[in-house]
PDB file of N, CA and C in Angstrom:
ATOM      1  N   MET A   1       1.064  -1.463   0.147  1.00  0.00           N
ATOM      2  CA  MET A   1       0.367  -0.186  -0.076  1.00  0.00           C
ATOM      3  C   MET A   1       0.928   0.938  -0.212  1.00  0.00           C
ATOM      4  N   ASP A   2       0.447   2.456  -0.693  1.00  0.00           N
ATOM      5  CA  ASP A   2       1.432   2.905  -0.277  1.00  0.00           C
ATOM      6  C   ASP A   2       1.157   3.916   0.344  1.00  0.00           C
ATOM      7  N   ASP A   3       0.354   4.621   0.844  1.00  0.00           N
ATOM      8  CA  ASP A   3       0.076   5.464   1.988  1.00  0.00           C
ATOM      9  C   ASP A   3       0.487   4.568   3.397  1.00  0.00           C
ATOM     10  N   CYS A   4       0.899   3.040   3.779  1.00  0.00           N
ATOM     11  CA  CYS A   4       1.023   2.137   4.718  1.00  0.00           C
ATOM     12  C   CYS A   4       2.531   2.850   5.333  1.00  0.00           C
ATOM     13  N   ILE A   5       2.498   3.423   6.276  1.00  0.00           N
ATOM     14  CA  ILE A   5       4.099   3.433   6.882  1.00  0.00           C
ATOM     15  C   ILE A   5       4.907   2.507   6.945  1.00  0.00           C
ATOM     16  N   PHE A   6       4.058   1.207   7.601  1.00  0.00           N
ATOM     17  CA  PHE A   6       4.645   0.213   8.178  1.00  0.00           C
ATOM     18  C   PHE A   6       5.561  -0.672   6.594  1.00  0.00           C
ATOM     19  N   CYS A   7       4.549  -0.673   5.785  1.00  0.00           N
ATOM     20  CA  CYS A   7       5.077  -1.131   3.960  1.00  0.00           C
ATOM     21  C   CYS A   7       6.278   0.063   4.157  1.00  0.00           C
ATOM     22  N   LYS A   8       6.060   1.194   4.587  1.00  0.00           N
ATOM     23  CA  LYS A   8       7.454   2.194   3.791  1.00  0.00           C
ATOM     24  C   LYS A   8       8.801   1.984   5.250  1.00  0.00           C
ATOM     25  N   MET A   9       8.204   1.440   6.105  1.00  0.00           N
ATOM     26  CA  MET A   9       9.625   1.139   6.953  1.00  0.00           C
ATOM     27  C   MET A   9      10.413  -0.303   6.185  1.00  0.00           C
ATOM     28  N   ALA A  10       9.119  -1.025   5.694  1.00  0.00           N
ATOM     29  CA  ALA A  10       9.586  -2.042   5.144  1.00  0.00           C
ATOM     30  C   ALA A  10      10.051  -2.599   4.026  1.00  0.00           C
ATOM     31  N   LYS A  11       9.861  -1.063   2.942  1.00  0.00           N
ATOM     32  CA  LYS A  11      10.552  -1.377   1.351  1.00  0.00           C
ATOM     33  C   LYS A  11      11.724  -0.076   1.709  1.00  0.00           C
ATOM     34  N   GLY A  12      12.236   0.303   3.221  1.00  0.00           N
ATOM     35  CA  GLY A  12      13.058   0.922   3.642  1.00  0.00           C
ATOM     36  C   GLY A  12      13.229   2.398   3.360  1.00  0.00           C
ATOM     37  N   ASP A  13      11.985   2.805   2.726  1.00  0.00           N
ATOM     38  CA  ASP A  13      11.776   4.810   2.727  1.00  0.00           C
ATOM     39  C   ASP A  13      11.179   5.326   3.274  1.00  0.00           C
ATOM     40  N   ILE A  14      11.126   4.708   4.437  1.00  0.00           N
ATOM     41  CA  ILE A  14      11.563   5.250   6.394  1.00  0.00           C
ATOM     42  C   ILE A  14      12.765   4.459   7.151  1.00  0.00           C
ATOM     43  N   GLN A  15      13.521   5.003   7.271  1.00  0.00           N
ATOM     44  CA  GLN A  15      14.739   4.245   8.204  1.00  0.00           C
ATOM     45  C   GLN A  15      14.425   3.984   9.169  1.00  0.00           C
ATOM     46  N   VAL A  16      14.465   2.478   9.743  1.00  0.00           N
ATOM     47  CA  VAL A  16      13.958   2.161  11.221  1.00  0.00           C
ATOM     48  C   VAL A  16      15.642   1.530  11.845  1.00  0.00           C
ATOM     49  N   GLN A  17      15.466   1.079  12.516  1.00  0.00           N
ATOM     50  CA  GLN A  17      16.962   0.405  13.031  1.00  0.00           C
ATOM     51  C   GLN A  17      16.516  -0.554  13.769  1.00  0.00           C
ATOM     52  N   LYS A  18      16.852  -1.242  12.416  1.00  0.00           N
ATOM     53  CA  LYS A  18      16.553  -3.071  12.342  1.00  0.00           C
ATOM     54  C   LYS A  18      16.764  -3.596  13.378  1.00  0.00           C
ATOM     55  N   ILE A  19      16.326  -4.700  13.550  1.00  0.00           N
ATOM     56  CA  ILE A  19      16.702  -5.653  14.967  1.00  0.00           C
ATOM     57  C   ILE A  19      16.731  -7.139  14.697  1.00  0.00           C
ATOM     58  N   TYR A  20      16.115  -7.388  13.446  1.00  0.00           N
ATOM     59  CA  TYR A  20      16.005  -8.595  12.523  1.00  0.00           C
ATOM     60  C   TYR A  20      15.523  -8.033  11.448  1.00  0.00           C
ATOM     61  N   GLU A  21      16.049  -9.204  10.348  1.00  0.00           N
ATOM     62  CA  GLU A  21      15.309  -8.682   9.182  1.00  0.00           C
ATOM     63  C   GLU A  21      15.477  -9.843   8.543  1.00  0.00           C
ATOM     64  N   ASP A  22      14.847 -10.601   7.448  1.00  0.00           N
ATOM     65  CA  ASP A  22      14.677 -11.926   6.237  1.00  0.00           C
ATOM     66  C   ASP A  22      13.955 -11.247   4.928  1.00  0.00           C
ATOM     67  N   ASP A  23      13.698 -12.303   4.088  1.00  0.00           N
ATOM     68  CA  ASP A  23      13.537 -12.077   3.296  1.00  0.00           C
ATOM     69  C   ASP A  23      11.704 -11.821   3.532  1.00  0.00           C
ATOM     70  N   ASP A  24      11.324 -11.872   4.144  1.00  0.00           N
ATOM     71  CA  ASP A  24       9.459 -11.601   4.152  1.00  0.00           C
ATOM     72  C   ASP A  24       9.387 -11.387   6.212  1.00  0.00           C
ATOM     73  N   VAL A  25      10.635 -10.309   6.660  1.00  0.00           N
ATOM     74  CA  VAL A  25       9.817  -9.989   8.175  1.00  0.00           C
ATOM     75  C   VAL A  25      10.914  -9.126   7.979  1.00  0.00           C
ATOM     76  N   ILE A  26      10.112  -7.856   8.929  1.00  0.00           N
ATOM     77  CA  ILE A  26      11.121  -6.915   9.455  1.00  0.00           C
ATOM     78  C   ILE A  26      11.092  -6.915  11.296  1.00  0.00           C
ATOM     79  N   ALA A  27      12.616  -6.644  11.758  1.00  0.00           N
ATOM     80  CA  ALA A  27      11.744  -5.636  13.794  1.00  0.00           C
ATOM     81  C   ALA A  27      12.079  -4.709  13.564  1.00  0.00           C
ATOM     82  N   PHE A  28      11.557  -3.689  14.362  1.00  0.00           N
ATOM     83  CA  PHE A  28      12.203  -2.955  14.926  1.00  0.00           C
ATOM     84  C   PHE A  28      11.922  -2.102  16.143  1.00  0.00           C
ATOM     85  N   PRO A  29      12.008  -1.222  16.928  1.00  0.00           N
ATOM     86  CA  PRO A  29      11.783  -0.768  18.208  1.00  0.00           C
ATOM     87  C   PRO A  29      10.325  -0.108  17.993  1.00  0.00           C
ATOM     88  N   ASP A  30       9.248  -0.419  19.131  1.00  0.00           N
ATOM     89  CA  ASP A  30       8.843   0.181  19.252  1.00  0.00           C
ATOM     90  C   ASP A  30       8.627   2.045  19.097  1.00  0.00           C
ATOM     91  N   ILE A  31       8.291   2.831  18.709  1.00  0.00           N
ATOM     92  CA  ILE A  31       8.472   4.449  18.944  1.00  0.00           C
ATOM     93  C   ILE A  31       7.777   5.179  20.404  1.00  0.00           C
ATOM     94  N   ASN A  32       6.598   4.375  20.547  1.00  0.00           N
ATOM     95  CA  ASN A  32       6.206   4.484  21.640  1.00  0.00           C
ATOM     96  C   ASN A  32       6.004   3.165  22.850  1.00  0.00           C
ATOM     97  N   PRO A  33       7.272   2.877  23.739  1.00  0.00           N
ATOM     98  CA  PRO A  33       7.100   1.350  24.202  1.00  0.00           C
ATOM     99  C   PRO A  33       6.746   1.215  25.124  1.00  0.00           C
ATOM    100  N   ILE A  34       5.864   0.527  25.660  1.00  0.00           N
ATOM    101  CA  ILE A  34       5.325  -0.184  26.613  1.00  0.00           C
ATOM    102  C   ILE A  34       6.158  -0.881  27.738  1.00  0.00           C
ATOM    103  N   ALA A  35       7.458  -0.852  27.494  1.00  0.00           N
ATOM    104  CA  ALA A  35       8.152  -2.022  28.351  1.00  0.00           C
ATOM    105  C   ALA A  35       9.413  -1.321  27.819  1.00  0.00           C
ATOM    106  N   PRO A  36      10.137  -2.478  29.205  1.00  0.00           N
ATOM    107  CA  PRO A  36      11.603  -1.994  28.833  1.00  0.00           C
ATOM    108  C   PRO A  36      12.593  -2.228  27.345  1.00  0.00           C
ATOM    109  N   VAL A  37      11.675  -3.747  26.618  1.00  0.00           N
ATOM    110  CA  VAL A  37      12.632  -4.133  25.166  1.00  0.00           C
ATOM    111  C   VAL A  37      10.754  -3.960  24.631  1.00  0.00           C
ATOM    112  N   HIS A  38      11.036  -3.042  23.586  1.00  0.00           N
ATOM    113  CA  HIS A  38       9.302  -3.378  22.830  1.00  0.00           C
ATOM    114  C   HIS A  38       9.580  -3.362  21.766  1.00  0.00           C
ATOM    115  N   ILE A  39       9.725  -4.341  20.885  1.00  0.00           N
ATOM    116  CA  ILE A  39       9.641  -4.503  19.485  1.00  0.00           C
ATOM    117  C   ILE A  39       8.644  -5.069  18.358  1.00  0.00           C
ATOM    118  N   LEU A  40       8.682  -4.215  17.530  1.00  0.00           N
ATOM    119  CA  LEU A  40       7.783  -4.375  16.318  1.00  0.00           C
ATOM    120  C   LEU A  40       7.993  -5.491  15.282  1.00  0.00           C
ATOM    121  N   ILE A  41       7.682  -6.085  14.937  1.00  0.00           N
ATOM    122  CA  ILE A  41       7.716  -7.702  14.467  1.00  0.00           C
ATOM    123  C   ILE A  41       6.725  -7.632  13.164  1.00  0.00           C
ATOM    124  N   ILE A  42       6.856  -6.773  11.461  1.00  0.00           N
ATOM    125  CA  ILE A  42       6.064  -6.794  10.513  1.00  0.00           C
ATOM    126  C   ILE A  42       6.408  -8.123   9.386  1.00  0.00           C
ATOM    127  N   PRO A  43       5.968  -8.613   8.379  1.00  0.00           N
ATOM    128  CA  PRO A  43       5.959  -8.613   7.470  1.00  0.00           C
ATOM    129  C   PRO A  43       6.110  -7.604   6.790  1.00  0.00           C
ATOM    130  N   LYS A  44       6.913  -7.857   5.285  1.00  0.00           N
ATOM    131  CA  LYS A  44       7.145  -7.184   4.184  1.00  0.00           C
ATOM    132  C   LYS A  44       5.842  -6.679   3.779  1.00  0.00           C
ATOM    133  N   ALA A  45       5.094  -7.805   3.062  1.00  0.00           N
ATOM    134  CA  ALA A  45       4.445  -7.685   2.317  1.00  0.00           C
ATOM    135  C   ALA A  45       3.189  -7.180   3.172  1.00  0.00           C
ATOM    136  N   HIS A  46       2.246  -6.719   2.638  1.00  0.00           N
ATOM    137  CA  HIS A  46       0.785  -5.760   3.692  1.00  0.00           C
ATOM    138  C   HIS A  46      -0.208  -6.652   3.686  1.00  0.00           C
ATOM    139  N   LEU A  47      -0.535  -7.011   4.877  1.00  0.00           N
ATOM    140  CA  LEU A  47      -1.780  -7.767   5.536  1.00  0.00           C
ATOM    141  C   LEU A  47      -2.180  -7.197   6.068  1.00  0.00           C
ATOM    142  N   GLN A  48      -3.292  -6.387   6.016  1.00  0.00           N
ATOM    143  CA  GLN A  48      -4.464  -5.836   7.033  1.00  0.00           C
ATOM    144  C   GLN A  48      -4.166  -6.248   8.493  1.00  0.00           C
ATOM    145  N   SER A  49      -4.456  -7.100   9.085  1.00  0.00           N
ATOM    146  CA  SER A  49      -4.534  -7.564  10.093  1.00  0.00           C
ATOM    147  C   SER A  49      -4.700  -9.075  10.596  1.00  0.00           C
ATOM    148  N   VAL A  50      -4.827  -9.893  11.170  1.00  0.00           N
ATOM    149  CA  VAL A  50      -5.191 -11.285  11.550  1.00  0.00           C
ATOM    150  C   VAL A  50      -5.755 -12.140  10.441  1.00  0.00           C
ATOM    151  N   LEU A  51      -6.684 -11.147  10.600  1.00  0.00           N
ATOM    152  CA  LEU A  51      -8.131 -11.374   9.656  1.00  0.00           C
ATOM    153  C   LEU A  51      -8.026 -11.781   8.321  1.00  0.00           C
ATOM    154  N   SER A  52      -6.637 -11.138   8.350  1.00  0.00           N
ATOM    155  CA  SER A  52      -5.967 -11.216   6.413  1.00  0.00           C
ATOM    156  C   SER A  52      -5.569 -12.471   5.994  1.00  0.00           C
ATOM    157  N   VAL A  53      -5.020 -12.623   7.004  1.00  0.00           N
ATOM    158  CA  VAL A  53      -4.121 -13.820   7.318  1.00  0.00           C
ATOM    159  C   VAL A  53      -5.339 -15.501   6.405  1.00  0.00           C
ATOM    160  N   GLU A  54      -4.284 -15.863   5.425  1.00  0.00           N
ATOM    161  CA  GLU A  54      -5.297 -16.929   4.874  1.00  0.00           C
ATOM    162  C   GLU A  54      -4.532 -18.211   4.710  1.00  0.00           C
ATOM    163  N   ASP A  55      -4.171 -18.108   2.862  1.00  0.00           N
ATOM    164  CA  ASP A  55      -3.024 -18.807   2.611  1.00  0.00           C
ATOM    165  C   ASP A  55      -1.435 -18.160   3.269  1.00  0.00           C
ATOM    166  N   GLU A  56      -1.253 -16.961   3.907  1.00  0.00           N
ATOM    167  CA  GLU A  56      -0.523 -16.334   4.371  1.00  0.00           C
ATOM    168  C   GLU A  56       0.155 -16.564   5.239  1.00  0.00           C
ATOM    169  N   SER A  57      -0.570 -18.125   5.773  1.00  0.00           N
ATOM    170  CA  SER A  57      -0.551 -18.922   7.142  1.00  0.00           C
ATOM    171  C   SER A  57       1.151 -18.683   7.871  1.00  0.00           C
ATOM    172  N   CYS A  58       2.030 -19.087   6.504  1.00  0.00           N
ATOM    173  CA  CYS A  58       3.726 -19.686   6.782  1.00  0.00           C
ATOM    174  C   CYS A  58       4.346 -18.444   7.458  1.00  0.00           C
ATOM    175  N   ILE A  59       3.224 -16.616   6.834  1.00  0.00           N
ATOM    176  CA  ILE A  59       3.882 -16.113   7.389  1.00  0.00           C
ATOM    177  C   ILE A  59       3.972 -15.746   9.092  1.00  0.00           C
ATOM    178  N   ILE A  60       2.784 -16.165   9.613  1.00  0.00           N
ATOM    179  CA  ILE A  60       2.628 -16.298  10.983  1.00  0.00           C
ATOM    180  C   ILE A  60       3.817 -17.181  11.390  1.00  0.00           C
ATOM    181  N   SER A  61       4.001 -18.234  11.207  1.00  0.00           N
ATOM    182  CA  SER A  61       4.780 -19.087  11.364  1.00  0.00           C
ATOM    183  C   SER A  61       7.167 -18.544  11.135  1.00  0.00           C
ATOM    184  N   LYS A  62       6.686 -17.144  10.034  1.00  0.00           N
ATOM    185  CA  LYS A  62       7.993 -16.255   9.612  1.00  0.00           C
ATOM    186  C   LYS A  62       8.411 -15.987  10.551  1.00  0.00           C
ATOM    187  N   ILE A  63       7.053 -15.436  11.440  1.00  0.00           N
ATOM    188  CA  ILE A  63       7.122 -13.483  12.305  1.00  0.00           C
ATOM    189  C   ILE A  63       7.277 -14.520  13.532  1.00  0.00           C
ATOM    190  N   PHE A  64       7.138 -15.716  13.897  1.00  0.00           N
ATOM    191  CA  PHE A  64       7.637 -16.393  15.300  1.00  0.00           C
ATOM    192  C   PHE A  64       8.507 -16.487  14.777  1.00  0.00           C
ATOM    193  N   ARG A  65       9.222 -17.368  14.151  1.00  0.00           N
ATOM    194  CA  ARG A  65      10.537 -17.590  14.486  1.00  0.00           C
ATOM    195  C   ARG A  65      11.434 -16.228  14.473  1.00  0.00           C
ATOM    196  N   ALA A  66      10.880 -15.383  13.877  1.00  0.00           N
ATOM    197  CA  ALA A  66      11.733 -13.820  13.761  1.00  0.00           C
ATOM    198  C   ALA A  66      12.045 -13.748  15.920  1.00  0.00           C
ATOM    199  N   ALA A  67      10.764 -13.897  16.355  1.00  0.00           N
ATOM    200  CA  ALA A  67      10.708 -13.309  17.845  1.00  0.00           C
ATOM    201  C   ALA A  67      11.798 -14.304  18.313  1.00  0.00           C
ATOM    202  N   ASN A  68      11.317 -15.635  18.416  1.00  0.00           N
ATOM    203  CA  ASN A  68      12.232 -16.639  18.943  1.00  0.00           C
ATOM    204  C   ASN A  68      13.897 -16.546  18.294  1.00  0.00           C
ATOM    205  N   LYS A  69      14.639 -16.215  17.211  1.00  0.00           N
ATOM    206  CA  LYS A  69      16.076 -15.488  17.160  1.00  0.00           C
ATOM    207  C   LYS A  69      15.374 -14.476  17.936  1.00  0.00           C
ATOM    208  N   ILE A  70      15.087 -13.004  18.173  1.00  0.00           N
ATOM    209  CA  ILE A  70      15.615 -11.901  18.736  1.00  0.00           C
ATOM    210  C   ILE A  70      15.503 -12.158  20.603  1.00  0.00           C
ATOM    211  N   ALA A  71      14.488 -13.063  20.379  1.00  0.00           N
ATOM    212  CA  ALA A  71      14.612 -13.134  21.656  1.00  0.00           C
ATOM    213  C   ALA A  71      15.871 -14.054  22.383  1.00  0.00           C
ATOM    214  N   LYS A  72      16.300 -14.832  21.591  1.00  0.00           N
ATOM    215  CA  LYS A  72      17.195 -15.579  22.119  1.00  0.00           C
ATOM    216  C   LYS A  72      18.808 -14.941  22.421  1.00  0.00           C
ATOM    217  N   ALA A  73      18.757 -13.232  21.220  1.00  0.00           N
ATOM    218  CA  ALA A  73      19.368 -12.857  20.996  1.00  0.00           C
ATOM    219  C   ALA A  73      19.771 -11.641  22.889  1.00  0.00           C
ATOM    220  N   ASP A  74      18.416 -11.553  23.441  1.00  0.00           N
ATOM    221  CA  ASP A  74      18.701  -9.974  24.354  1.00  0.00           C
ATOM    222  C   ASP A  74      18.420 -10.797  25.566  1.00  0.00           C
ATOM    223  N   ASP A  75      19.003 -10.213  25.873  1.00  0.00           N
ATOM    224  CA  ASP A  75      19.108 -11.683  28.158  1.00  0.00           C
ATOM    225  C   ASP A  75      17.633 -10.989  28.494  1.00  0.00           C
ATOM    226  N   LYS A  76      17.484  -9.489  28.141  1.00  0.00           N
ATOM    227  CA  LYS A  76      16.171  -9.057  28.834  1.00  0.00           C
ATOM    228  C   LYS A  76      14.955  -9.893  28.478  1.00  0.00           C
ATOM    229  N   PHE A  77      14.646 -10.718  27.322  1.00  0.00           N
ATOM    230  CA  PHE A  77      13.714 -11.979  27.233  1.00  0.00           C
ATOM    231  C   PHE A  77      13.966 -13.396  28.274  1.00  0.00           C
ATOM    232  N   ALA A  78      15.323 -13.098  28.594  1.00  0.00           N
ATOM    233  CA  ALA A  78      15.513 -14.384  29.668  1.00  0.00           C
ATOM    234  C   ALA A  78      15.041 -14.685  31.064  1.00  0.00           C
ATOM    235  N   ASP A  79      13.065 -13.805  31.328  1.00  0.00           N
ATOM    236  CA  ASP A  79      13.233 -14.523  32.597  1.00  0.00           C
ATOM    237  C   ASP A  79      11.215 -14.453  31.605  1.00  0.00           C
ATOM    238  N   GLY A  80      11.324 -14.298  30.364  1.00  0.00           N
ATOM    239  CA  GLY A  80      10.084 -14.157  30.197  1.00  0.00           C
ATOM    240  C   GLY A  80       9.371 -12.715  29.162  1.00  0.00           C
ATOM    241  N   PHE A  81       8.570 -13.579  28.493  1.00  0.00           N
ATOM    242  CA  PHE A  81       8.241 -12.555  26.989  1.00  0.00           C
ATOM    243  C   PHE A  81       6.565 -12.315  27.001  1.00  0.00           C
ATOM    244  N   ARG A  82       6.237 -11.622  26.641  1.00  0.00           N
ATOM    245  CA  ARG A  82       4.383 -11.654  26.065  1.00  0.00           C
ATOM    246  C   ARG A  82       4.580 -10.893  23.841  1.00  0.00           C
ATOM    247  N   ILE A  83       3.942 -11.495  23.500  1.00  0.00           N
ATOM    248  CA  ILE A  83       3.737 -11.117  22.503  1.00  0.00           C
ATOM    249  C   ILE A  83       2.813 -11.255  21.885  1.00  0.00           C
ATOM    250  N   VAL A  84       2.041  -9.932  21.658  1.00  0.00           N
ATOM    251  CA  VAL A  84       0.760  -9.447  20.935  1.00  0.00           C
ATOM    252  C   VAL A  84       0.069  -8.605  20.032  1.00  0.00           C
ATOM    253  N   ALA A  85      -0.366  -9.216  19.094  1.00  0.00           N
ATOM    254  CA  ALA A  85      -1.073  -8.438  18.165  1.00  0.00           C
ATOM    255  C   ALA A  85      -2.781  -8.554  18.274  1.00  0.00           C
ATOM    256  N   ASN A  86      -2.940  -7.043  17.609  1.00  0.00           N
ATOM    257  CA  ASN A  86      -4.490  -6.502  18.032  1.00  0.00           C
ATOM    258  C   ASN A  86      -4.456  -6.458  16.600  1.00  0.00           C
ATOM    259  N   CYS A  87      -5.728  -6.765  17.143  1.00  0.00           N
ATOM    260  CA  CYS A  87      -6.974  -6.582  15.356  1.00  0.00           C
ATOM    261  C   CYS A  87      -7.420  -6.001  15.800  1.00  0.00           C
ATOM    262  N   GLY A  88      -8.270  -4.807  14.466  1.00  0.00           N
ATOM    263  CA  GLY A  88      -8.780  -3.284  14.075  1.00  0.00           C
ATOM    264  C   GLY A  88      -9.126  -2.440  15.236  1.00  0.00           C
ATOM    265  N   GLU A  89      -9.378  -1.442  15.652  1.00  0.00           N
ATOM    266  CA  GLU A  89      -9.927  -0.431  16.185  1.00  0.00           C
ATOM    267  C   GLU A  89     -10.250  -0.949  17.506  1.00  0.00           C
ATOM    268  N   ASN A  90     -11.271  -1.419  17.630  1.00  0.00           N
ATOM    269  CA  ASN A  90     -11.720  -1.673  19.267  1.00  0.00           C
ATOM    270  C   ASN A  90     -10.273  -3.070  19.677  1.00  0.00           C
ATOM    271  N   GLY A  91      -9.770  -3.898  19.375  1.00  0.00           N
ATOM    272  CA  GLY A  91      -8.749  -4.745  19.217  1.00  0.00           C
ATOM    273  C   GLY A  91      -7.075  -3.976  19.926  1.00  0.00           C
ATOM    274  N   GLY A  92      -7.076  -2.307  19.656  1.00  0.00           N
ATOM    275  CA  GLY A  92      -6.296  -1.666  19.122  1.00  0.00           C
ATOM    276  C   GLY A  92      -5.139  -1.119  18.745  1.00  0.00           C
ATOM    277  N   GLN A  93      -5.582  -2.620  17.136  1.00  0.00           N
ATOM    278  CA  GLN A  93      -4.791  -1.636  16.349  1.00  0.00           C
ATOM    279  C   GLN A  93      -4.632  -0.198  15.738  1.00  0.00           C
ATOM    280  N   SER A  94      -3.345   0.202  15.843  1.00  0.00           N
ATOM    281  CA  SER A  94      -3.891   1.934  15.618  1.00  0.00           C
ATOM    282  C   SER A  94      -2.807   1.813  14.094  1.00  0.00           C
ATOM    283  N   VAL A  95      -2.582   0.520  13.287  1.00  0.00           N
ATOM    284  CA  VAL A  95      -1.589   0.802  12.078  1.00  0.00           C
ATOM    285  C   VAL A  95      -2.698  -0.475  11.176  1.00  0.00           C
ATOM    286  N   PRO A  96      -2.538  -0.378   9.983  1.00  0.00           N
ATOM    287  CA  PRO A  96      -3.643  -1.046  10.038  1.00  0.00           C
ATOM    288  C   PRO A  96      -2.619  -2.282   8.865  1.00  0.00           C
ATOM    289  N   HIS A  97      -1.537  -2.797   9.235  1.00  0.00           N
ATOM    290  CA  HIS A  97      -0.580  -3.850   8.503  1.00  0.00           C
ATOM    291  C   HIS A  97      -0.637  -4.612   9.901  1.00  0.00           C
ATOM    292  N   LEU A  98      -0.595  -5.567   9.725  1.00  0.00           N
ATOM    293  CA  LEU A  98      -0.085  -7.403   9.752  1.00  0.00           C
ATOM    294  C   LEU A  98       1.100  -7.043  11.070  1.00  0.00           C
ATOM    295  N   HIS A  99       0.820  -6.398  12.739  1.00  0.00           N
ATOM    296  CA  HIS A  99       2.193  -6.415  13.605  1.00  0.00           C
ATOM    297  C   HIS A  99       2.246  -7.426  14.829  1.00  0.00           C
ATOM    298  N   PHE A 100       3.407  -7.743  15.049  1.00  0.00           N
ATOM    299  CA  PHE A 100       2.908  -8.166  16.642  1.00  0.00           C
ATOM    300  C   PHE A 100       3.880  -7.623  17.730  1.00  0.00           C
ATOM    301  N   HIS A 101       3.692  -7.410  18.763  1.00  0.00           N
ATOM    302  CA  HIS A 101       4.669  -6.719  19.688  1.00  0.00           C
ATOM    303  C   HIS A 101       5.554  -8.106  20.273  1.00  0.00           C
ATOM    304  N   LEU A 102       6.534  -8.157  20.830  1.00  0.00           N
ATOM    305  CA  LEU A 102       7.533  -8.738  21.361  1.00  0.00           C
ATOM    306  C   LEU A 102       7.550  -7.643  21.980  1.00  0.00           C
ATOM    307  N   LEU A 103       7.343  -7.673  23.420  1.00  0.00           N
ATOM    308  CA  LEU A 103       7.744  -7.427  24.889  1.00  0.00           C
ATOM    309  C   LEU A 103       8.188  -7.861  25.736  1.00  0.00           C
ATOM    310  N   GLY A 104       9.053  -7.498  26.457  1.00  0.00           N
ATOM    311  CA  GLY A 104       9.869  -7.542  27.385  1.00  0.00           C
ATOM    312  C   GLY A 104      10.638  -6.929  28.580  1.00  0.00           C
ATOM    313  N   GLY A 105      12.009  -7.733  29.585  1.00  0.00           N
ATOM    314  CA  GLY A 105      12.929  -6.709  30.500  1.00  0.00           C
ATOM    315  C   GLY A 105      11.609  -6.506  31.898  1.00  0.00           C
ATOM    316  N   ARG A 106       9.964  -6.678  31.909  1.00  0.00           N
ATOM    317  CA  ARG A 106       9.526  -6.476  33.317  1.00  0.00           C
ATOM    318  C   ARG A 106       8.823  -7.844  33.433  1.00  0.00           C
ATOM    319  N   SER A 107       8.094  -7.540  34.495  1.00  0.00           N
ATOM    320  CA  SER A 107       6.551  -8.687  34.977  1.00  0.00           C
ATOM    321  C   SER A 107       5.578  -7.808  34.316  1.00  0.00           C
ATOM    322  N   PHE A 108       4.744  -9.015  33.738  1.00  0.00           N
ATOM    323  CA  PHE A 108       3.861  -9.051  32.965  1.00  0.00           C
ATOM    324  C   PHE A 108       2.283  -9.663  34.092  1.00  0.00           C
ATOM    325  N   ALA A 109       1.258  -8.635  33.995  1.00  0.00           N
ATOM    326  CA  ALA A 109       0.384  -9.168  34.860  1.00  0.00           C
ATOM    327  C   ALA A 109      -0.918  -9.453  33.501  1.00  0.00           C
ATOM    328  N   TRP A 110      -1.589 -10.950  34.125  1.00  0.00           N
ATOM    329  CA  TRP A 110      -3.150 -10.578  33.075  1.00  0.00           C
ATOM    330  C   TRP A 110      -4.046 -10.991  34.301  1.00  0.00           C
ATOM    331  N   PRO A 111      -5.036 -10.574  33.747  1.00  0.00           N
ATOM    332  CA  PRO A 111      -5.479  -9.964  32.140  1.00  0.00           C
ATOM    333  C   PRO A 111      -4.605  -8.455  31.764  1.00  0.00           C
ATOM    334  N   PRO A 112      -4.350  -8.403  30.676  1.00  0.00           N
ATOM    335  CA  PRO A 112      -4.010  -7.245  30.968  1.00  0.00           C
ATOM    336  C   PRO A 112      -4.986  -5.874  31.390  1.00  0.00           C
ATOM    337  N   GLY A 113      -4.628  -4.738  31.513  1.00  0.00           N
ATOM    338  CA  GLY A 113      -5.771  -3.532  31.586  1.00  0.00           C
ATOM    339  C   GLY A 113      -6.346  -2.938  30.224  1.00  0.00           C
TER     340      GLY A 113
END
């Protein structure tokens, strides 16, 4: 999508601090972190949300493989972490591009607020 900020980041039109990148996925720090370590993991191809994932289901495994590599490489994830995907406006999704939040570096409670 031409106006999607995450697509622009994935293409390199907007520079980000890359934490991880492969052919299909890119990860970078969230600009409004809610944890000591807050990384966004996105597919490079535009998918609006979890509801857009159909035949692309392999992208979810690629995103989780990226989360695995990121978490293993940073000691701040050693005591545990959270992976979150918001879907739709009422679900808290602020950017209409599928993305996962990888959160670590502190304790998390359940249920979230």
